[in-house]
N, C-alpha and C. Protein backbone atom coordinates (compact mmCIF):
# COMPACT_ATOMS: atom_id res chain seq x y z
N UNK A 1 -25.34 -35.00 -97.09
CA UNK A 1 -24.46 -36.11 -97.47
C UNK A 1 -23.02 -35.62 -97.46
N UNK A 2 -22.17 -36.34 -96.75
CA UNK A 2 -20.77 -35.93 -96.65
C UNK A 2 -20.04 -36.20 -97.96
N UNK A 3 -19.10 -35.33 -98.27
CA UNK A 3 -18.32 -35.49 -99.50
C UNK A 3 -17.20 -36.49 -99.27
N UNK A 4 -16.68 -37.01 -100.36
CA UNK A 4 -15.57 -37.96 -100.27
C UNK A 4 -14.33 -37.23 -99.78
N UNK A 5 -13.46 -37.90 -99.03
CA UNK A 5 -12.25 -37.25 -98.54
C UNK A 5 -11.38 -36.75 -99.70
N UNK A 6 -10.75 -35.63 -99.48
CA UNK A 6 -9.79 -35.07 -100.44
C UNK A 6 -8.41 -35.06 -99.80
N UNK A 7 -7.41 -34.98 -100.66
CA UNK A 7 -6.03 -35.02 -100.18
C UNK A 7 -5.29 -33.79 -100.66
N UNK A 8 -4.54 -33.16 -99.77
CA UNK A 8 -3.72 -32.01 -100.11
C UNK A 8 -2.26 -32.33 -99.79
N UNK A 9 -1.40 -32.19 -100.78
CA UNK A 9 0.04 -32.32 -100.56
C UNK A 9 0.60 -30.96 -100.17
N UNK A 10 1.39 -30.94 -99.11
CA UNK A 10 1.93 -29.68 -98.60
C UNK A 10 3.35 -29.48 -99.11
N UNK A 11 3.56 -28.40 -99.85
CA UNK A 11 4.88 -28.00 -100.31
C UNK A 11 5.19 -26.64 -99.65
N UNK A 12 5.96 -26.63 -98.57
CA UNK A 12 6.18 -25.37 -97.84
C UNK A 12 7.10 -24.41 -98.60
N UNK A 13 7.10 -23.17 -98.13
CA UNK A 13 8.01 -22.17 -98.67
C UNK A 13 9.45 -22.66 -98.57
N UNK A 14 10.26 -22.32 -99.56
CA UNK A 14 11.66 -22.75 -99.76
C UNK A 14 11.79 -24.19 -100.26
N UNK A 15 10.68 -24.79 -100.69
CA UNK A 15 10.71 -26.12 -101.28
C UNK A 15 10.08 -26.08 -102.67
N UNK A 16 10.44 -27.06 -103.49
CA UNK A 16 9.90 -27.14 -104.85
C UNK A 16 9.53 -28.57 -105.17
N UNK A 17 8.45 -28.71 -105.93
CA UNK A 17 7.98 -30.01 -106.43
C UNK A 17 8.49 -30.14 -107.87
N UNK A 18 9.31 -31.16 -108.12
CA UNK A 18 9.99 -31.32 -109.40
C UNK A 18 9.33 -32.44 -110.21
N UNK A 19 9.10 -32.17 -111.50
CA UNK A 19 8.63 -33.20 -112.44
C UNK A 19 9.64 -33.30 -113.58
N UNK A 20 10.26 -34.46 -113.69
CA UNK A 20 11.17 -34.73 -114.80
C UNK A 20 10.44 -35.59 -115.82
N UNK A 21 10.29 -35.06 -117.03
CA UNK A 21 9.51 -35.74 -118.06
C UNK A 21 10.40 -36.56 -118.99
N UNK A 22 9.78 -37.59 -119.57
CA UNK A 22 10.43 -38.46 -120.54
C UNK A 22 9.49 -38.64 -121.72
N UNK A 23 10.05 -38.84 -122.89
CA UNK A 23 9.24 -39.15 -124.06
C UNK A 23 9.75 -40.43 -124.71
N UNK A 24 8.83 -41.10 -125.39
CA UNK A 24 9.14 -42.31 -126.13
C UNK A 24 8.65 -42.11 -127.56
N UNK A 25 9.52 -42.32 -128.53
CA UNK A 25 9.13 -42.15 -129.93
C UNK A 25 7.86 -42.94 -130.23
N UNK A 26 6.86 -42.27 -130.83
CA UNK A 26 5.62 -42.92 -131.19
C UNK A 26 4.55 -42.86 -130.12
N UNK A 27 4.90 -42.45 -128.90
CA UNK A 27 3.94 -42.35 -127.81
C UNK A 27 3.61 -40.88 -127.59
N UNK A 28 2.34 -40.47 -127.76
CA UNK A 28 2.01 -39.05 -127.65
C UNK A 28 2.01 -38.52 -126.22
N UNK A 29 2.00 -39.40 -125.23
CA UNK A 29 1.91 -38.97 -123.84
C UNK A 29 3.28 -39.08 -123.16
N UNK A 30 3.77 -38.00 -122.55
CA UNK A 30 5.04 -38.09 -121.82
C UNK A 30 4.87 -38.86 -120.52
N UNK A 31 5.97 -39.36 -120.00
CA UNK A 31 6.03 -40.01 -118.70
C UNK A 31 6.80 -39.08 -117.76
N UNK A 32 6.75 -39.36 -116.47
CA UNK A 32 7.45 -38.47 -115.54
C UNK A 32 7.79 -39.19 -114.25
N UNK A 33 8.87 -38.74 -113.62
CA UNK A 33 9.12 -39.05 -112.22
C UNK A 33 9.03 -37.73 -111.46
N UNK A 34 8.65 -37.80 -110.19
CA UNK A 34 8.52 -36.58 -109.40
C UNK A 34 9.28 -36.74 -108.09
N UNK A 35 9.78 -35.63 -107.61
CA UNK A 35 10.45 -35.60 -106.31
C UNK A 35 10.46 -34.17 -105.80
N UNK A 36 10.64 -34.03 -104.50
CA UNK A 36 10.74 -32.70 -103.91
C UNK A 36 12.19 -32.35 -103.64
N UNK A 37 12.45 -31.05 -103.60
CA UNK A 37 13.78 -30.58 -103.20
C UNK A 37 13.63 -29.37 -102.28
N UNK A 38 14.61 -29.22 -101.42
CA UNK A 38 14.75 -28.04 -100.58
C UNK A 38 15.60 -27.05 -101.36
N UNK A 39 15.01 -25.94 -101.80
CA UNK A 39 15.75 -25.00 -102.64
C UNK A 39 16.51 -23.96 -101.84
N UNK A 40 16.31 -23.91 -100.52
CA UNK A 40 17.05 -22.95 -99.71
C UNK A 40 16.47 -21.55 -99.78
N UNK A 41 17.18 -20.59 -99.23
CA UNK A 41 16.69 -19.22 -99.13
C UNK A 41 16.77 -18.40 -100.42
N UNK A 42 17.86 -18.50 -101.21
CA UNK A 42 17.91 -17.67 -102.42
C UNK A 42 16.82 -18.08 -103.41
N UNK A 43 16.41 -17.17 -104.29
CA UNK A 43 15.41 -17.55 -105.31
C UNK A 43 15.92 -18.71 -106.17
N UNK A 44 15.05 -19.68 -106.41
CA UNK A 44 15.40 -20.83 -107.24
C UNK A 44 15.34 -20.40 -108.70
N UNK A 45 16.34 -20.76 -109.47
CA UNK A 45 16.47 -20.27 -110.84
C UNK A 45 16.36 -21.40 -111.85
N UNK A 46 16.14 -21.02 -113.12
CA UNK A 46 16.11 -22.00 -114.20
C UNK A 46 17.47 -22.69 -114.33
N UNK A 47 18.54 -21.97 -114.03
CA UNK A 47 19.86 -22.59 -114.09
C UNK A 47 20.02 -23.70 -113.08
N UNK A 48 19.49 -23.50 -111.88
CA UNK A 48 19.55 -24.55 -110.87
C UNK A 48 18.67 -25.74 -111.27
N UNK A 49 17.51 -25.44 -111.86
CA UNK A 49 16.64 -26.52 -112.31
C UNK A 49 17.31 -27.33 -113.42
N UNK A 50 18.04 -26.66 -114.30
CA UNK A 50 18.78 -27.35 -115.35
C UNK A 50 19.83 -28.28 -114.75
N UNK A 51 20.40 -27.89 -113.60
CA UNK A 51 21.37 -28.76 -112.93
C UNK A 51 20.70 -30.04 -112.43
N UNK A 52 19.46 -29.93 -111.96
CA UNK A 52 18.71 -31.12 -111.54
C UNK A 52 18.54 -32.07 -112.73
N UNK A 53 18.19 -31.50 -113.86
CA UNK A 53 18.03 -32.32 -115.06
C UNK A 53 19.35 -32.94 -115.48
N UNK A 54 20.42 -32.16 -115.41
CA UNK A 54 21.74 -32.66 -115.80
C UNK A 54 22.17 -33.82 -114.91
N UNK A 55 21.81 -33.79 -113.63
CA UNK A 55 22.15 -34.89 -112.73
C UNK A 55 21.56 -36.20 -113.23
N UNK A 56 20.32 -36.13 -113.76
CA UNK A 56 19.70 -37.34 -114.31
C UNK A 56 20.34 -37.72 -115.64
N UNK A 57 20.48 -36.75 -116.53
CA UNK A 57 21.02 -37.03 -117.87
C UNK A 57 22.39 -37.66 -117.78
N UNK A 58 23.25 -37.11 -116.94
CA UNK A 58 24.63 -37.58 -116.84
C UNK A 58 24.70 -39.04 -116.42
N UNK A 59 23.86 -39.41 -115.47
CA UNK A 59 23.98 -40.74 -114.88
C UNK A 59 23.12 -41.81 -115.56
N UNK A 60 22.01 -41.42 -116.18
CA UNK A 60 21.06 -42.42 -116.66
C UNK A 60 20.96 -42.59 -118.17
N UNK A 61 21.24 -41.55 -118.96
CA UNK A 61 21.05 -41.70 -120.41
C UNK A 61 21.97 -42.76 -121.03
N UNK A 62 23.15 -43.08 -120.47
CA UNK A 62 23.92 -44.17 -121.07
C UNK A 62 23.22 -45.53 -121.01
N UNK A 63 22.15 -45.64 -120.20
CA UNK A 63 21.41 -46.90 -120.08
C UNK A 63 20.04 -46.83 -120.75
N UNK A 64 19.76 -45.72 -121.43
CA UNK A 64 18.51 -45.56 -122.17
C UNK A 64 18.75 -45.74 -123.65
N UNK A 65 17.81 -46.35 -124.38
CA UNK A 65 17.95 -46.44 -125.84
C UNK A 65 17.65 -45.09 -126.49
N UNK A 66 18.07 -44.88 -127.72
CA UNK A 66 17.86 -43.58 -128.37
C UNK A 66 16.39 -43.20 -128.58
N UNK A 67 15.48 -44.19 -128.60
CA UNK A 67 14.07 -43.84 -128.80
C UNK A 67 13.39 -43.37 -127.52
N UNK A 68 14.08 -43.43 -126.39
CA UNK A 68 13.64 -42.75 -125.16
C UNK A 68 14.46 -41.48 -125.01
N UNK A 69 13.81 -40.42 -124.54
CA UNK A 69 14.50 -39.15 -124.35
C UNK A 69 14.16 -38.56 -122.99
N UNK A 70 15.17 -37.99 -122.36
CA UNK A 70 14.93 -37.19 -121.16
C UNK A 70 14.46 -35.82 -121.63
N UNK A 71 13.23 -35.48 -121.26
CA UNK A 71 12.62 -34.26 -121.80
C UNK A 71 12.70 -33.08 -120.86
N UNK A 72 11.64 -32.28 -120.87
CA UNK A 72 11.59 -31.07 -120.06
C UNK A 72 11.62 -31.41 -118.57
N UNK A 73 12.01 -30.44 -117.78
CA UNK A 73 11.91 -30.54 -116.33
C UNK A 73 11.17 -29.31 -115.83
N UNK A 74 10.26 -29.52 -114.89
CA UNK A 74 9.42 -28.43 -114.40
C UNK A 74 9.47 -28.39 -112.87
N UNK A 75 9.50 -27.20 -112.34
CA UNK A 75 9.49 -27.01 -110.89
C UNK A 75 8.31 -26.13 -110.50
N UNK A 76 7.58 -26.56 -109.49
CA UNK A 76 6.56 -25.73 -108.86
C UNK A 76 7.14 -25.29 -107.52
N UNK A 77 7.55 -24.03 -107.45
CA UNK A 77 8.32 -23.53 -106.31
C UNK A 77 7.40 -22.77 -105.37
N UNK A 78 7.27 -23.27 -104.15
CA UNK A 78 6.40 -22.63 -103.17
C UNK A 78 6.90 -21.23 -102.83
N UNK A 79 5.95 -20.33 -102.60
CA UNK A 79 6.27 -18.95 -102.24
C UNK A 79 5.73 -18.65 -100.84
N UNK A 80 6.32 -17.65 -100.20
CA UNK A 80 5.85 -17.26 -98.86
C UNK A 80 4.40 -16.80 -98.91
N UNK A 81 4.03 -16.14 -100.01
CA UNK A 81 2.67 -15.65 -100.18
C UNK A 81 2.24 -15.93 -101.63
N UNK A 82 1.02 -16.39 -101.79
CA UNK A 82 0.48 -16.56 -103.13
C UNK A 82 0.77 -17.91 -103.75
N UNK A 83 0.46 -18.01 -105.04
CA UNK A 83 0.61 -19.26 -105.77
C UNK A 83 2.08 -19.60 -106.00
N UNK A 84 2.37 -20.87 -106.22
CA UNK A 84 3.76 -21.24 -106.50
C UNK A 84 4.23 -20.67 -107.83
N UNK A 85 5.54 -20.46 -107.91
CA UNK A 85 6.16 -20.03 -109.17
C UNK A 85 6.48 -21.27 -110.00
N UNK A 86 6.15 -21.24 -111.28
CA UNK A 86 6.42 -22.36 -112.18
C UNK A 86 7.63 -22.02 -113.04
N UNK A 87 8.62 -22.90 -112.99
CA UNK A 87 9.82 -22.76 -113.80
C UNK A 87 9.95 -24.02 -114.64
N UNK A 88 10.26 -23.87 -115.91
CA UNK A 88 10.42 -25.04 -116.78
C UNK A 88 11.63 -24.86 -117.67
N UNK A 89 12.40 -25.91 -117.79
CA UNK A 89 13.53 -25.96 -118.71
C UNK A 89 13.14 -26.90 -119.85
N UNK A 90 13.14 -26.38 -121.06
CA UNK A 90 12.74 -27.15 -122.24
C UNK A 90 14.00 -27.76 -122.88
N UNK A 91 14.03 -29.07 -122.96
CA UNK A 91 15.21 -29.74 -123.52
C UNK A 91 14.82 -31.17 -123.87
N UNK A 92 15.66 -31.82 -124.67
CA UNK A 92 15.45 -33.21 -125.04
C UNK A 92 16.80 -33.86 -125.28
N UNK A 93 17.07 -34.94 -124.52
CA UNK A 93 18.34 -35.65 -124.63
C UNK A 93 18.06 -37.13 -124.83
N UNK A 94 18.49 -37.67 -125.96
CA UNK A 94 18.24 -39.07 -126.27
C UNK A 94 19.20 -39.98 -125.51
N UNK A 95 18.70 -41.19 -125.20
CA UNK A 95 19.57 -42.20 -124.63
C UNK A 95 20.63 -42.65 -125.63
N UNK A 96 21.65 -43.30 -125.13
CA UNK A 96 22.77 -43.70 -125.99
C UNK A 96 23.03 -45.20 -125.98
N UNK A 97 22.16 -45.99 -125.33
CA UNK A 97 22.38 -47.44 -125.26
C UNK A 97 21.79 -48.10 -126.50
N UNK A 98 22.64 -48.60 -127.37
CA UNK A 98 22.18 -49.25 -128.61
C UNK A 98 22.55 -50.72 -128.68
N UNK A 99 23.01 -51.29 -127.57
CA UNK A 99 23.59 -52.63 -127.62
C UNK A 99 22.54 -53.72 -127.46
N UNK A 100 21.69 -53.63 -126.44
CA UNK A 100 20.78 -54.72 -126.09
C UNK A 100 19.34 -54.26 -126.25
N UNK A 101 18.44 -55.09 -126.81
CA UNK A 101 17.03 -54.70 -126.92
C UNK A 101 16.41 -54.38 -125.55
N UNK A 102 15.59 -53.35 -125.50
CA UNK A 102 14.91 -52.96 -124.27
C UNK A 102 13.52 -53.57 -124.21
N UNK A 103 13.04 -53.79 -122.99
CA UNK A 103 11.75 -54.43 -122.81
C UNK A 103 10.64 -53.39 -123.01
N UNK A 104 9.37 -53.84 -123.18
CA UNK A 104 8.28 -52.91 -123.52
C UNK A 104 8.06 -51.84 -122.46
N UNK A 105 7.38 -50.76 -122.87
CA UNK A 105 7.21 -49.60 -122.02
C UNK A 105 6.26 -49.82 -120.86
N UNK A 106 5.49 -50.93 -120.85
CA UNK A 106 4.60 -51.18 -119.72
C UNK A 106 5.35 -51.73 -118.51
N UNK A 107 6.67 -51.78 -118.58
CA UNK A 107 7.50 -52.20 -117.46
C UNK A 107 8.48 -51.08 -117.13
N UNK A 108 8.73 -50.92 -115.85
CA UNK A 108 9.59 -49.83 -115.40
C UNK A 108 10.46 -50.29 -114.24
N UNK A 109 11.48 -49.52 -113.97
CA UNK A 109 12.34 -49.77 -112.82
C UNK A 109 11.73 -49.07 -111.62
N UNK A 110 11.55 -49.82 -110.53
CA UNK A 110 10.97 -49.26 -109.31
C UNK A 110 12.11 -48.83 -108.38
N UNK A 111 12.10 -47.56 -108.00
CA UNK A 111 13.14 -47.01 -107.14
C UNK A 111 12.48 -46.44 -105.89
N UNK A 112 12.93 -46.91 -104.73
CA UNK A 112 12.37 -46.45 -103.45
C UNK A 112 13.15 -45.27 -102.92
N UNK A 113 12.42 -44.32 -102.33
CA UNK A 113 13.04 -43.18 -101.66
C UNK A 113 13.07 -43.47 -100.17
N UNK A 114 14.26 -43.61 -99.63
CA UNK A 114 14.42 -43.92 -98.22
C UNK A 114 14.80 -42.70 -97.40
N UNK A 115 14.39 -42.70 -96.14
CA UNK A 115 14.72 -41.60 -95.23
C UNK A 115 15.27 -42.18 -93.93
N UNK A 116 15.67 -41.31 -93.03
CA UNK A 116 16.20 -41.75 -91.73
C UNK A 116 15.09 -42.04 -90.74
N UNK A 117 13.83 -41.80 -91.12
CA UNK A 117 12.70 -42.00 -90.23
C UNK A 117 11.90 -43.23 -90.64
N UNK A 118 11.28 -43.86 -89.67
CA UNK A 118 10.49 -45.05 -89.93
C UNK A 118 9.06 -44.72 -90.30
N UNK A 119 8.30 -45.74 -90.68
CA UNK A 119 6.89 -45.57 -90.99
C UNK A 119 6.64 -45.36 -92.47
N UNK A 120 5.43 -45.74 -92.87
CA UNK A 120 5.07 -45.66 -94.29
C UNK A 120 5.10 -44.22 -94.79
N UNK A 121 4.74 -43.27 -93.93
CA UNK A 121 4.72 -41.86 -94.33
C UNK A 121 6.09 -41.39 -94.78
N UNK A 122 7.12 -41.99 -94.26
CA UNK A 122 8.48 -41.54 -94.55
C UNK A 122 9.19 -42.41 -95.58
N UNK A 123 8.38 -43.02 -96.46
CA UNK A 123 8.92 -43.76 -97.60
C UNK A 123 8.22 -43.30 -98.87
N UNK A 124 8.93 -43.31 -99.96
CA UNK A 124 8.33 -42.95 -101.24
C UNK A 124 8.91 -43.82 -102.34
N UNK A 125 8.52 -43.54 -103.58
CA UNK A 125 9.03 -44.32 -104.70
C UNK A 125 8.72 -43.59 -106.00
N UNK A 126 9.45 -43.95 -107.04
CA UNK A 126 9.04 -43.56 -108.38
C UNK A 126 9.34 -44.68 -109.36
N UNK A 127 8.61 -44.65 -110.47
CA UNK A 127 8.75 -45.65 -111.52
C UNK A 127 9.51 -45.01 -112.66
N UNK A 128 10.66 -45.58 -113.00
CA UNK A 128 11.57 -44.95 -113.97
C UNK A 128 11.46 -45.68 -115.31
N UNK A 129 11.04 -44.98 -116.35
CA UNK A 129 10.89 -45.63 -117.65
C UNK A 129 12.19 -45.67 -118.45
N UNK A 130 12.24 -46.60 -119.41
CA UNK A 130 13.27 -46.54 -120.44
C UNK A 130 14.62 -47.12 -120.11
N UNK A 131 14.78 -47.74 -118.93
CA UNK A 131 16.11 -48.22 -118.54
C UNK A 131 16.30 -49.71 -118.69
N UNK A 132 15.22 -50.48 -118.63
CA UNK A 132 15.35 -51.93 -118.55
C UNK A 132 15.61 -52.56 -119.91
N UNK A 133 16.62 -53.40 -119.99
CA UNK A 133 16.89 -54.13 -121.22
C UNK A 133 16.89 -55.63 -120.95
N UNK A 134 16.87 -56.40 -121.99
CA UNK A 134 16.73 -57.85 -121.87
C UNK A 134 17.93 -58.49 -121.18
N UNK A 135 19.04 -57.79 -121.14
CA UNK A 135 20.23 -58.37 -120.51
C UNK A 135 20.22 -58.32 -119.00
N UNK A 136 19.31 -57.51 -118.39
CA UNK A 136 19.32 -57.36 -116.93
C UNK A 136 18.01 -57.81 -116.29
N UNK A 137 17.07 -58.34 -117.09
CA UNK A 137 15.79 -58.82 -116.56
C UNK A 137 15.62 -60.28 -116.98
N UNK A 138 15.34 -61.16 -116.00
CA UNK A 138 15.17 -62.56 -116.36
C UNK A 138 13.72 -62.84 -116.73
N UNK A 139 13.40 -64.12 -116.98
CA UNK A 139 12.08 -64.46 -117.52
C UNK A 139 10.96 -64.38 -116.49
N UNK A 140 11.27 -64.14 -115.22
CA UNK A 140 10.22 -63.97 -114.21
C UNK A 140 10.22 -62.55 -113.62
N UNK A 141 10.96 -61.64 -114.24
CA UNK A 141 10.89 -60.25 -113.84
C UNK A 141 11.89 -59.79 -112.81
N UNK A 142 12.86 -60.63 -112.50
CA UNK A 142 13.92 -60.19 -111.58
C UNK A 142 14.89 -59.27 -112.31
N UNK A 143 15.31 -58.21 -111.63
CA UNK A 143 16.20 -57.21 -112.21
C UNK A 143 17.57 -57.32 -111.57
N UNK A 144 18.60 -57.12 -112.38
CA UNK A 144 19.95 -57.00 -111.84
C UNK A 144 20.08 -55.62 -111.19
N UNK A 145 19.61 -55.52 -109.95
CA UNK A 145 19.57 -54.22 -109.28
C UNK A 145 20.95 -53.62 -109.13
N UNK A 146 21.96 -54.46 -109.01
CA UNK A 146 23.32 -53.94 -108.83
C UNK A 146 23.81 -53.16 -110.05
N UNK A 147 23.20 -53.43 -111.22
CA UNK A 147 23.56 -52.68 -112.42
C UNK A 147 23.13 -51.22 -112.29
N UNK A 148 21.96 -50.99 -111.68
CA UNK A 148 21.37 -49.65 -111.64
C UNK A 148 21.60 -48.90 -110.34
N UNK A 149 21.89 -49.64 -109.27
CA UNK A 149 22.01 -48.96 -107.97
C UNK A 149 23.06 -47.85 -107.97
N UNK A 150 24.25 -48.07 -108.51
CA UNK A 150 25.23 -46.97 -108.51
C UNK A 150 24.76 -45.73 -109.26
N UNK A 151 23.92 -45.91 -110.27
CA UNK A 151 23.44 -44.79 -111.06
C UNK A 151 22.55 -43.87 -110.24
N UNK A 152 21.66 -44.46 -109.45
CA UNK A 152 20.74 -43.65 -108.65
C UNK A 152 21.42 -43.09 -107.41
N UNK A 153 22.40 -43.80 -106.89
CA UNK A 153 23.19 -43.23 -105.80
C UNK A 153 23.93 -41.98 -106.30
N UNK A 154 24.48 -42.07 -107.49
CA UNK A 154 25.20 -40.93 -108.07
C UNK A 154 24.24 -39.79 -108.41
N UNK A 155 23.05 -40.12 -108.90
CA UNK A 155 22.04 -39.09 -109.21
C UNK A 155 21.68 -38.29 -107.96
N UNK A 156 21.43 -38.99 -106.85
CA UNK A 156 21.09 -38.31 -105.61
C UNK A 156 22.25 -37.44 -105.13
N UNK A 157 23.45 -37.96 -105.23
CA UNK A 157 24.62 -37.19 -104.80
C UNK A 157 24.83 -35.97 -105.69
N UNK A 158 24.57 -36.12 -106.99
CA UNK A 158 24.79 -35.00 -107.91
C UNK A 158 23.81 -33.86 -107.68
N UNK A 159 22.64 -34.15 -107.11
CA UNK A 159 21.72 -33.07 -106.78
C UNK A 159 22.33 -32.14 -105.73
N UNK A 160 23.27 -32.68 -104.94
CA UNK A 160 23.90 -31.88 -103.89
C UNK A 160 25.07 -31.06 -104.42
N UNK A 161 25.46 -31.29 -105.67
CA UNK A 161 26.59 -30.56 -106.26
C UNK A 161 26.01 -29.63 -107.32
N UNK A 162 25.48 -28.53 -106.88
CA UNK A 162 24.76 -27.60 -107.77
C UNK A 162 25.67 -26.44 -108.12
N UNK A 163 25.46 -25.84 -109.28
CA UNK A 163 26.40 -24.85 -109.81
C UNK A 163 26.64 -23.68 -108.87
N UNK A 164 25.61 -23.26 -108.13
CA UNK A 164 25.77 -22.11 -107.24
C UNK A 164 26.03 -22.53 -105.81
N UNK A 165 26.45 -23.77 -105.63
CA UNK A 165 26.83 -24.35 -104.34
C UNK A 165 25.68 -24.47 -103.35
N UNK A 166 24.43 -24.27 -103.81
CA UNK A 166 23.30 -24.57 -102.94
C UNK A 166 23.20 -26.08 -102.77
N UNK A 167 22.74 -26.51 -101.61
CA UNK A 167 22.50 -27.92 -101.38
C UNK A 167 21.05 -28.22 -101.73
N UNK A 168 20.83 -28.93 -102.82
CA UNK A 168 19.48 -29.27 -103.26
C UNK A 168 19.10 -30.64 -102.72
N UNK A 169 18.71 -30.69 -101.47
CA UNK A 169 18.35 -31.96 -100.85
C UNK A 169 17.04 -32.47 -101.43
N UNK A 170 17.02 -33.76 -101.80
CA UNK A 170 15.76 -34.38 -102.19
C UNK A 170 14.95 -34.64 -100.93
N UNK A 171 13.63 -34.41 -101.02
CA UNK A 171 12.76 -34.59 -99.86
C UNK A 171 11.48 -35.30 -100.26
N UNK A 172 10.80 -35.84 -99.24
CA UNK A 172 9.44 -36.34 -99.38
C UNK A 172 8.48 -35.31 -98.81
N UNK A 173 7.46 -34.96 -99.59
CA UNK A 173 6.39 -34.12 -99.08
C UNK A 173 5.31 -35.00 -98.45
N UNK A 174 4.57 -34.41 -97.54
CA UNK A 174 3.52 -35.15 -96.85
C UNK A 174 2.14 -34.56 -97.18
N UNK A 175 1.11 -35.38 -97.02
CA UNK A 175 -0.25 -34.99 -97.37
C UNK A 175 -1.19 -35.20 -96.19
N UNK A 176 -2.32 -34.53 -96.24
CA UNK A 176 -3.38 -34.74 -95.25
C UNK A 176 -4.72 -34.84 -95.98
N UNK A 177 -5.65 -35.55 -95.35
CA UNK A 177 -6.99 -35.70 -95.90
C UNK A 177 -7.96 -34.75 -95.21
N UNK A 178 -8.98 -34.32 -95.95
CA UNK A 178 -10.00 -33.45 -95.37
C UNK A 178 -11.31 -33.64 -96.13
N UNK A 179 -12.39 -33.24 -95.51
CA UNK A 179 -13.71 -33.31 -96.13
C UNK A 179 -14.38 -31.94 -96.01
N UNK A 180 -15.44 -31.76 -96.76
CA UNK A 180 -16.16 -30.49 -96.73
C UNK A 180 -15.87 -29.65 -97.95
N UNK A 181 -16.27 -28.38 -97.86
CA UNK A 181 -16.13 -27.48 -99.00
C UNK A 181 -14.87 -26.63 -98.96
N UNK A 182 -14.25 -26.52 -97.80
CA UNK A 182 -13.09 -25.65 -97.64
C UNK A 182 -11.93 -26.43 -97.04
N UNK A 183 -10.77 -26.34 -97.68
CA UNK A 183 -9.57 -26.98 -97.16
C UNK A 183 -9.19 -26.29 -95.84
N UNK A 184 -9.15 -27.05 -94.72
CA UNK A 184 -8.85 -26.42 -93.43
C UNK A 184 -7.37 -26.15 -93.20
N UNK A 185 -6.52 -26.64 -94.09
CA UNK A 185 -5.09 -26.50 -93.88
C UNK A 185 -4.53 -27.67 -93.09
N UNK A 186 -3.21 -27.75 -92.98
CA UNK A 186 -2.59 -28.87 -92.28
C UNK A 186 -3.03 -28.93 -90.81
N UNK A 187 -3.20 -30.13 -90.29
CA UNK A 187 -3.58 -30.26 -88.87
C UNK A 187 -2.42 -29.92 -87.95
N UNK A 188 -2.68 -29.71 -86.67
CA UNK A 188 -1.59 -29.44 -85.71
C UNK A 188 -0.56 -30.56 -85.71
N UNK A 189 0.70 -30.19 -85.62
CA UNK A 189 1.77 -31.18 -85.59
C UNK A 189 2.10 -31.80 -86.92
N UNK A 190 1.62 -31.20 -88.01
CA UNK A 190 1.87 -31.77 -89.34
C UNK A 190 3.38 -31.73 -89.63
N UNK A 191 3.96 -32.83 -90.14
CA UNK A 191 5.41 -32.90 -90.29
C UNK A 191 5.95 -32.06 -91.43
N UNK A 192 7.17 -31.60 -91.25
CA UNK A 192 7.91 -30.92 -92.32
C UNK A 192 8.35 -31.96 -93.34
N UNK A 193 8.74 -31.54 -94.55
CA UNK A 193 9.27 -32.50 -95.52
C UNK A 193 10.44 -33.29 -94.94
N UNK A 194 10.52 -34.56 -95.34
CA UNK A 194 11.55 -35.46 -94.82
C UNK A 194 12.65 -35.63 -95.85
N UNK A 195 13.89 -35.48 -95.43
CA UNK A 195 15.03 -35.59 -96.34
C UNK A 195 15.19 -37.03 -96.81
N UNK A 196 15.35 -37.21 -98.11
CA UNK A 196 15.62 -38.52 -98.70
C UNK A 196 17.12 -38.80 -98.56
N UNK A 197 17.45 -39.88 -97.90
CA UNK A 197 18.85 -40.22 -97.67
C UNK A 197 19.38 -41.29 -98.61
N UNK A 198 18.48 -41.99 -99.31
CA UNK A 198 18.94 -43.04 -100.23
C UNK A 198 17.87 -43.33 -101.26
N UNK A 199 18.31 -43.64 -102.48
CA UNK A 199 17.44 -44.17 -103.53
C UNK A 199 17.85 -45.63 -103.74
N UNK A 200 16.90 -46.54 -103.57
CA UNK A 200 17.20 -47.97 -103.61
C UNK A 200 16.44 -48.64 -104.74
N UNK A 201 17.16 -49.32 -105.61
CA UNK A 201 16.56 -50.00 -106.76
C UNK A 201 15.96 -51.32 -106.32
N UNK A 202 14.68 -51.53 -106.69
CA UNK A 202 13.99 -52.76 -106.36
C UNK A 202 14.45 -53.89 -107.26
N UNK A 203 14.47 -55.10 -106.74
CA UNK A 203 14.95 -56.25 -107.49
C UNK A 203 13.93 -56.90 -108.40
N UNK A 204 12.72 -56.34 -108.49
CA UNK A 204 11.71 -56.84 -109.42
C UNK A 204 11.23 -55.69 -110.29
N UNK A 205 10.92 -55.99 -111.55
CA UNK A 205 10.39 -54.93 -112.40
C UNK A 205 8.99 -54.55 -111.93
N UNK A 206 8.60 -53.32 -112.21
CA UNK A 206 7.25 -52.85 -111.94
C UNK A 206 6.51 -52.84 -113.26
N UNK A 207 5.46 -53.65 -113.37
CA UNK A 207 4.65 -53.68 -114.59
C UNK A 207 3.33 -52.97 -114.32
N UNK A 208 2.57 -52.68 -115.36
CA UNK A 208 1.27 -52.05 -115.18
C UNK A 208 0.37 -52.92 -114.31
N UNK A 209 0.44 -54.22 -114.48
CA UNK A 209 -0.40 -55.12 -113.68
C UNK A 209 -0.02 -55.04 -112.21
N UNK A 210 1.29 -55.07 -111.92
CA UNK A 210 1.72 -54.99 -110.53
C UNK A 210 1.32 -53.66 -109.91
N UNK A 211 1.43 -52.56 -110.66
CA UNK A 211 1.09 -51.26 -110.11
C UNK A 211 -0.41 -51.15 -109.82
N UNK A 212 -1.27 -51.76 -110.68
CA UNK A 212 -2.69 -51.70 -110.46
C UNK A 212 -3.11 -52.49 -109.23
N UNK A 213 -2.33 -53.51 -108.86
CA UNK A 213 -2.68 -54.31 -107.70
C UNK A 213 -2.28 -53.63 -106.40
N UNK A 214 -1.44 -52.61 -106.44
CA UNK A 214 -0.96 -51.98 -105.21
C UNK A 214 -2.03 -51.08 -104.61
């Protein structure tokens, strides 16, 4: 009997898989957004990872309420040989938006990762918690995307302004499916990570129901 297909995400050497965590007061489980970066040739350091976190904190915490916090950030950095190196920066920064009530946590801002290449493989997305308030979402779930678009454009640009002048390009990693007992590795012609050229805010909120239907 054949086994169910498995999926392997490929993170090549000189690239890192980033997880930015968030916490909500009273919720025991953290939330996260993930993205890839090209770390370049020099060893990737905790200081550079802290700059990735700072890019988010600087641009987004003014739109988060104090009961949401930007938490730890973790990098799984691919190595030429052996297992990836894990780097984590432990920190917690509360949001500063106290003006307008925020909508429940089962709704999030949907942000698409765009590239210069076509096809579904070359598109990505993440669901960003803690940003939506009642002043920018109408009664049918439409979002004032123009309120948030400059923030994510600035976040992406700030990743390129790193303390040691490395260019930390955001990228999309690609995956392949396989069956059997042994991972055969990427197939011939498997694509390299694709550079993300734009983060685009969707004009509708992403709810748990909408995500389950996808």
